[in-house]
Amino acid sequence: MKTDISSSLSDARILERIRAQTPLVLNITNFVVMNTTANVLLAAGASPVMAHAEEEVEEMCSLASSLVINMGTLDARFVEAMLRAGKVAKTRGIPIVFDPVGVGATKYRTDSALKIMEMLRPTIVRGNASEIAMLAGASSAAPKGVDSTVEGESVLAQARSLSETFGSVVVISGAIDHLVHGDSHRRVHNGTPLFTKVTGMGCSATAYIGAVAAVEADPFTASLAATTAFAIAGELAAEQLTLDQPGSFPPLFLDKLAQLSSADLAFRSHIS
């Protein structure tokens, strides 16, 4: 569905800017997804770096164009590295994208996520509906491991509260992705069920937002463009597969992401 929003995203030629500028995206992310995430960022045209040693993250962040922090495989040193890098990012004014993986599953994970929110006030927060609700204090929405137990539409009030409290753009992932920033709300209807059949696609979507935010100053526009583009690349790959071919999906997705154009954003976007 072509909309004024999707047309404006294509007019901004955000995808081409990533390829031209090759922004360095620092990822402090989990061990499960490092390779997948790095490949997604390379396919997009960005330059990924995976670093989490306390001894170097501040220096590394001083070179980066954006910071992505993902607490999938959490420990105390990871948290400390996230906070150190985040302070540098805030001083430099580069975007911080936070994925609070599994927040609510354990007390330590929840306490760590809330500490990151309070100290860093991320530019963009991306999580499933349970994670976003838990960050906003809705304990009844506790996730099943790292999977959501509620739908995005049901936690919009919590997402708005989170956005207003911390000033963050909030992206709720799901079959329909919701983006909230203050009074602004968009739904992205693109995507494919194959995203849920392969480990690391959600974390990679968060990292991809970091790449787009590195070249687009407005965080809501960056989040919307990245969420839509990532979903469209998934659709294009899924059109050549069936749901019982999850092993073939990641390499084909990388190809489609690398080939994606602003025209694809304009003509395939389904945003409401």
Protein backbone atom coordinates (compact mmCIF):
# COMPACT_ATOMS: atom_id res chain seq x y z
CA MET A 1 0.00 0.00 0.00
CA LYS A 2 1.65 3.22 -1.13
CA THR A 3 1.17 6.00 1.41
CA ASP A 4 2.47 9.51 1.91
CA ILE A 5 4.64 8.07 4.68
CA SER A 6 6.21 5.37 2.52
CA SER A 7 6.74 7.84 -0.32
CA SER A 8 8.54 10.23 2.02
CA LEU A 9 10.78 7.40 3.23
CA SER A 10 11.73 6.56 -0.34
CA ASP A 11 12.28 10.23 -1.17
CA ALA A 12 14.74 10.43 1.73
CA ARG A 13 16.75 7.61 0.08
CA ILE A 14 17.76 6.31 3.48
CA LEU A 15 18.91 2.94 2.16
CA GLU A 16 21.27 4.57 -0.30
CA ARG A 17 22.69 6.79 2.45
CA ILE A 18 23.68 3.75 4.50
CA ARG A 19 25.54 2.28 1.55
CA ALA A 20 27.25 5.57 0.76
CA GLN A 21 28.29 6.39 4.33
CA THR A 22 28.99 2.83 5.62
CA PRO A 23 28.39 3.89 9.25
CA LEU A 24 30.25 2.04 11.99
CA VAL A 25 27.67 0.39 14.25
CA LEU A 26 28.97 -0.79 17.62
CA ASN A 27 27.06 -3.83 18.86
CA ILE A 28 27.24 -5.02 22.44
CA THR A 29 25.06 -7.99 21.77
CA ASN A 30 24.50 -11.61 22.69
CA PHE A 31 26.65 -14.57 21.68
CA VAL A 32 23.76 -16.33 19.91
CA VAL A 33 23.31 -13.68 17.22
CA MET A 34 26.67 -12.00 16.66
CA ASN A 35 27.40 -13.61 13.31
CA THR A 36 23.85 -13.19 12.01
CA THR A 37 23.72 -9.56 13.12
CA ALA A 38 27.07 -8.74 11.56
CA ASN A 39 26.01 -10.26 8.24
CA VAL A 40 22.75 -8.30 8.24
CA LEU A 41 24.60 -5.04 8.83
CA LEU A 42 27.09 -5.85 6.08
CA ALA A 43 24.26 -6.66 3.68
CA ALA A 44 22.69 -3.31 4.51
CA GLY A 45 25.93 -1.51 3.69
CA ALA A 46 26.92 -0.66 7.25
CA SER A 47 30.17 -1.54 9.03
CA PRO A 48 29.55 -3.73 12.10
CA VAL A 49 31.83 -4.11 15.08
CA MET A 50 31.11 -6.55 17.90
CA ALA A 51 32.90 -5.53 21.09
CA HIS A 52 32.00 -6.00 24.73
CA ALA A 53 35.25 -5.84 26.72
CA GLU A 54 35.03 -3.17 29.41
CA GLU A 55 38.62 -2.23 28.57
CA GLU A 56 37.80 -1.07 25.03
CA VAL A 57 34.11 -0.26 24.61
CA GLU A 58 34.49 3.42 25.47
CA GLU A 59 37.25 3.87 22.91
CA MET A 60 35.36 1.85 20.34
CA CYS A 61 32.20 3.88 20.91
CA SER A 62 34.17 7.06 20.29
CA LEU A 63 34.61 5.84 16.70
CA ALA A 64 31.05 4.63 16.09
CA SER A 65 28.06 6.30 14.44
CA SER A 66 25.54 4.43 16.59
CA LEU A 67 25.43 2.04 19.55
CA VAL A 68 23.24 -1.06 19.72
CA ILE A 69 22.91 -2.85 23.06
CA ASN A 70 21.20 -6.22 23.37
CA MET A 71 20.98 -8.13 26.65
CA GLY A 72 20.19 -11.59 25.29
CA THR A 73 23.08 -13.39 27.00
CA LEU A 74 23.46 -11.26 30.08
CA ASP A 75 26.15 -11.01 32.74
CA ALA A 76 27.59 -8.30 34.95
CA ARG A 77 30.50 -7.48 32.63
CA PHE A 78 28.13 -7.09 29.67
CA VAL A 79 25.98 -4.68 31.65
CA GLU A 80 29.00 -2.65 32.73
CA ALA A 81 30.23 -2.52 29.13
CA MET A 82 26.80 -1.34 27.97
CA LEU A 83 26.74 1.44 30.56
CA ARG A 84 30.28 2.57 29.77
CA ALA A 85 29.68 2.67 26.03
CA GLY A 86 26.29 4.30 26.56
CA LYS A 87 27.81 7.18 28.51
CA VAL A 88 30.21 7.85 25.64
CA ALA A 89 27.37 7.66 23.13
CA LYS A 90 25.33 10.17 25.11
CA THR A 91 28.30 12.54 25.39
CA ARG A 92 28.88 12.31 21.64
CA GLY A 93 25.18 12.59 20.76
CA ILE A 94 25.04 9.36 18.75
CA PRO A 95 21.89 7.21 18.86
CA ILE A 96 21.54 4.37 21.35
CA VAL A 97 19.27 1.47 20.35
CA PHE A 98 18.31 -0.92 23.16
CA ASP A 99 16.84 -4.43 22.87
CA PRO A 100 15.73 -5.59 26.36
CA VAL A 101 15.67 -9.30 25.47
CA GLY A 102 13.73 -11.37 28.00
CA VAL A 103 13.14 -8.54 30.47
CA GLY A 104 10.70 -9.84 33.07
CA ALA A 105 11.91 -13.44 32.84
CA THR A 106 14.21 -13.02 35.88
CA LYS A 107 14.74 -10.36 38.53
CA TYR A 108 18.36 -9.82 37.46
CA ARG A 109 17.37 -9.29 33.84
CA THR A 110 14.60 -6.87 34.80
CA ASP A 111 16.81 -4.91 37.20
CA SER A 112 19.54 -4.67 34.55
CA ALA A 113 17.12 -3.43 31.89
CA LEU A 114 15.66 -0.80 34.18
CA LYS A 115 19.16 0.37 35.13
CA ILE A 116 20.04 0.76 31.45
CA MET A 117 16.84 2.69 30.81
CA GLU A 118 17.38 5.03 33.77
CA MET A 119 21.06 5.71 33.15
CA LEU A 120 21.14 5.83 29.34
CA ARG A 121 17.61 6.83 28.29
CA PRO A 122 18.03 5.11 24.91
CA THR A 123 17.09 6.89 21.71
CA ILE A 124 15.14 3.85 20.51
CA VAL A 125 13.87 0.81 22.39
CA ARG A 126 12.79 -2.27 20.43
CA GLY A 127 11.21 -5.33 22.03
CA ASN A 128 8.24 -7.64 21.85
CA ALA A 129 4.98 -6.69 23.53
CA SER A 130 5.76 -8.45 26.81
CA GLU A 131 9.19 -6.83 27.04
CA ILE A 132 7.83 -3.35 26.40
CA ALA A 133 5.04 -3.83 28.95
CA MET A 134 7.50 -5.12 31.54
CA LEU A 135 9.79 -2.12 31.03
CA ALA A 136 6.77 0.09 31.69
CA GLY A 137 6.01 -1.77 34.93
CA ALA A 138 3.20 -4.12 33.85
CA SER A 139 4.23 -7.30 35.69
CA SER A 140 1.20 -9.21 34.37
CA ALA A 141 2.80 -9.29 30.89
CA ALA A 142 5.81 -11.44 31.89
CA PRO A 143 7.28 -13.19 28.83
CA LYS A 144 7.64 -16.91 28.22
CA GLY A 145 11.43 -17.03 28.18
CA VAL A 146 12.19 -14.49 25.46
CA ASP A 147 8.83 -14.86 23.70
CA SER A 148 5.89 -12.53 24.16
CA THR A 149 2.71 -13.63 25.87
CA VAL A 150 0.65 -10.61 24.73
CA GLU A 151 -0.05 -8.74 21.50
CA GLY A 152 1.35 -5.33 20.57
CA GLU A 153 -2.03 -3.62 20.31
CA SER A 154 -2.74 -4.43 23.96
CA VAL A 155 0.33 -2.62 25.32
CA LEU A 156 0.13 0.67 23.44
CA ALA A 157 -0.68 2.60 26.62
CA GLN A 158 2.43 1.18 28.29
CA ALA A 159 4.51 1.98 25.21
CA ARG A 160 3.33 5.59 25.27
CA SER A 161 4.12 5.83 28.97
CA LEU A 162 7.60 4.43 28.38
CA SER A 163 8.18 6.85 25.51
CA GLU A 164 7.02 9.84 27.54
CA THR A 165 9.09 8.88 30.58
CA PHE A 166 12.38 8.32 28.76
CA GLY A 167 11.89 10.26 25.52
CA SER A 168 12.55 7.09 23.51
CA VAL A 169 10.97 5.89 20.30
CA VAL A 170 9.38 2.55 21.22
CA VAL A 171 9.17 -0.22 18.62
CA ILE A 172 6.94 -3.17 19.50
CA SER A 173 7.78 -6.18 17.36
CA GLY A 174 5.18 -8.72 16.29
CA ALA A 175 3.07 -9.90 13.38
CA ILE A 176 2.21 -6.20 13.12
CA ASP A 177 4.99 -3.90 14.32
CA HIS A 178 3.95 -0.82 16.30
CA LEU A 179 6.03 2.34 16.58
CA VAL A 180 5.24 4.88 19.29
CA HIS A 181 6.82 8.24 20.10
CA GLY A 182 4.71 10.55 22.22
CA ASP A 183 1.42 10.96 20.39
CA SER A 184 2.76 9.45 17.15
CA HIS A 185 1.82 5.86 16.37
CA ARG A 186 2.40 3.82 13.22
CA ARG A 187 1.68 0.20 12.38
CA VAL A 188 3.88 -1.70 9.93
CA HIS A 189 1.94 -4.57 8.37
CA ASN A 190 4.82 -5.98 6.30
CA GLY A 191 6.72 -9.12 7.28
CA THR A 192 6.63 -12.91 7.18
CA PRO A 193 6.11 -15.75 9.70
CA LEU A 194 9.54 -17.07 8.66
CA PHE A 195 11.08 -14.40 10.90
CA THR A 196 9.91 -16.46 13.89
CA LYS A 197 11.41 -19.70 12.56
CA VAL A 198 15.05 -18.60 12.66
CA THR A 199 17.13 -17.47 15.63
CA GLY A 200 18.50 -13.95 15.56
CA MET A 201 16.16 -12.16 13.17
CA GLY A 202 14.62 -9.95 15.86
CA CYS A 203 18.02 -9.01 17.27
CA SER A 204 19.23 -8.30 13.74
CA ALA A 205 16.23 -6.02 13.15
CA THR A 206 17.28 -4.04 16.22
CA ALA A 207 20.83 -3.74 14.88
CA TYR A 208 19.47 -2.66 11.50
CA ILE A 209 17.60 0.16 13.22
CA GLY A 210 20.99 1.20 14.58
CA ALA A 211 22.38 1.38 11.05
CA VAL A 212 19.51 3.52 9.80
CA ALA A 213 19.60 5.76 12.89
CA ALA A 214 23.27 6.40 12.13
CA VAL A 215 22.36 8.17 8.88
CA GLU A 216 18.88 9.56 9.71
CA ALA A 217 18.74 12.19 12.44
CA ASP A 218 15.06 11.79 13.29
CA PRO A 219 14.75 8.62 15.40
CA PHE A 220 11.07 8.02 14.61
CA THR A 221 11.72 8.26 10.86
CA ALA A 222 14.77 6.01 11.25
CA SER A 223 12.80 3.43 13.23
CA LEU A 224 9.93 3.43 10.76
CA ALA A 225 12.20 3.17 7.72
CA ALA A 226 14.29 0.38 9.25
CA THR A 227 11.34 -1.63 10.52
CA THR A 228 9.59 -1.37 7.15
CA ALA A 229 12.66 -2.12 5.05
CA PHE A 230 13.63 -5.14 7.15
CA ALA A 231 10.10 -6.52 6.92
CA ILE A 232 9.93 -5.99 3.16
CA ALA A 233 13.24 -7.81 2.64
CA GLY A 234 11.72 -10.69 4.59
CA GLU A 235 8.63 -10.66 2.42
CA LEU A 236 10.71 -10.72 -0.76
CA ALA A 237 12.69 -13.71 0.51
CA ALA A 238 9.58 -15.53 1.73
CA GLU A 239 7.92 -15.23 -1.68
CA GLN A 240 10.46 -17.75 -2.97
CA LEU A 241 10.06 -20.18 -0.05
CA THR A 242 7.51 -22.09 1.99
CA LEU A 243 7.15 -22.06 5.76
CA ASP A 244 8.91 -25.43 6.03
CA GLN A 245 12.13 -23.97 4.56
CA PRO A 246 13.51 -21.92 7.47
CA GLY A 247 17.07 -23.03 6.71
CA SER A 248 16.92 -21.39 3.28
CA PHE A 249 15.51 -18.15 4.63
CA PRO A 250 18.56 -16.39 6.19
CA PRO A 251 20.84 -16.38 3.12
CA LEU A 252 18.01 -15.38 0.82
CA PHE A 253 16.99 -12.64 3.26
CA LEU A 254 20.54 -11.26 3.19
CA ASP A 255 20.42 -11.12 -0.60
CA LYS A 256 17.09 -9.30 -0.62
CA LEU A 257 18.26 -6.81 2.02
CA ALA A 258 21.38 -6.07 0.02
CA GLN A 259 19.30 -5.52 -3.12
CA LEU A 260 16.53 -3.48 -1.45
CA SER A 261 15.83 -0.06 -2.93
CA SER A 262 13.94 3.07 -2.00
CA ALA A 263 11.44 2.14 -4.70
CA ASP A 264 10.70 -1.04 -2.75
CA LEU A 265 9.93 1.10 0.30
CA ALA A 266 7.58 3.25 -1.73
CA PHE A 267 5.67 0.51 -3.51
CA ARG A 268 5.64 -2.35 -1.00
CA SER A 269 5.23 -0.51 2.33
CA HIS A 270 2.01 -1.24 4.22
CA ILE A 271 1.95 1.39 6.95
CA SER A 272 -1.09 2.66 8.82
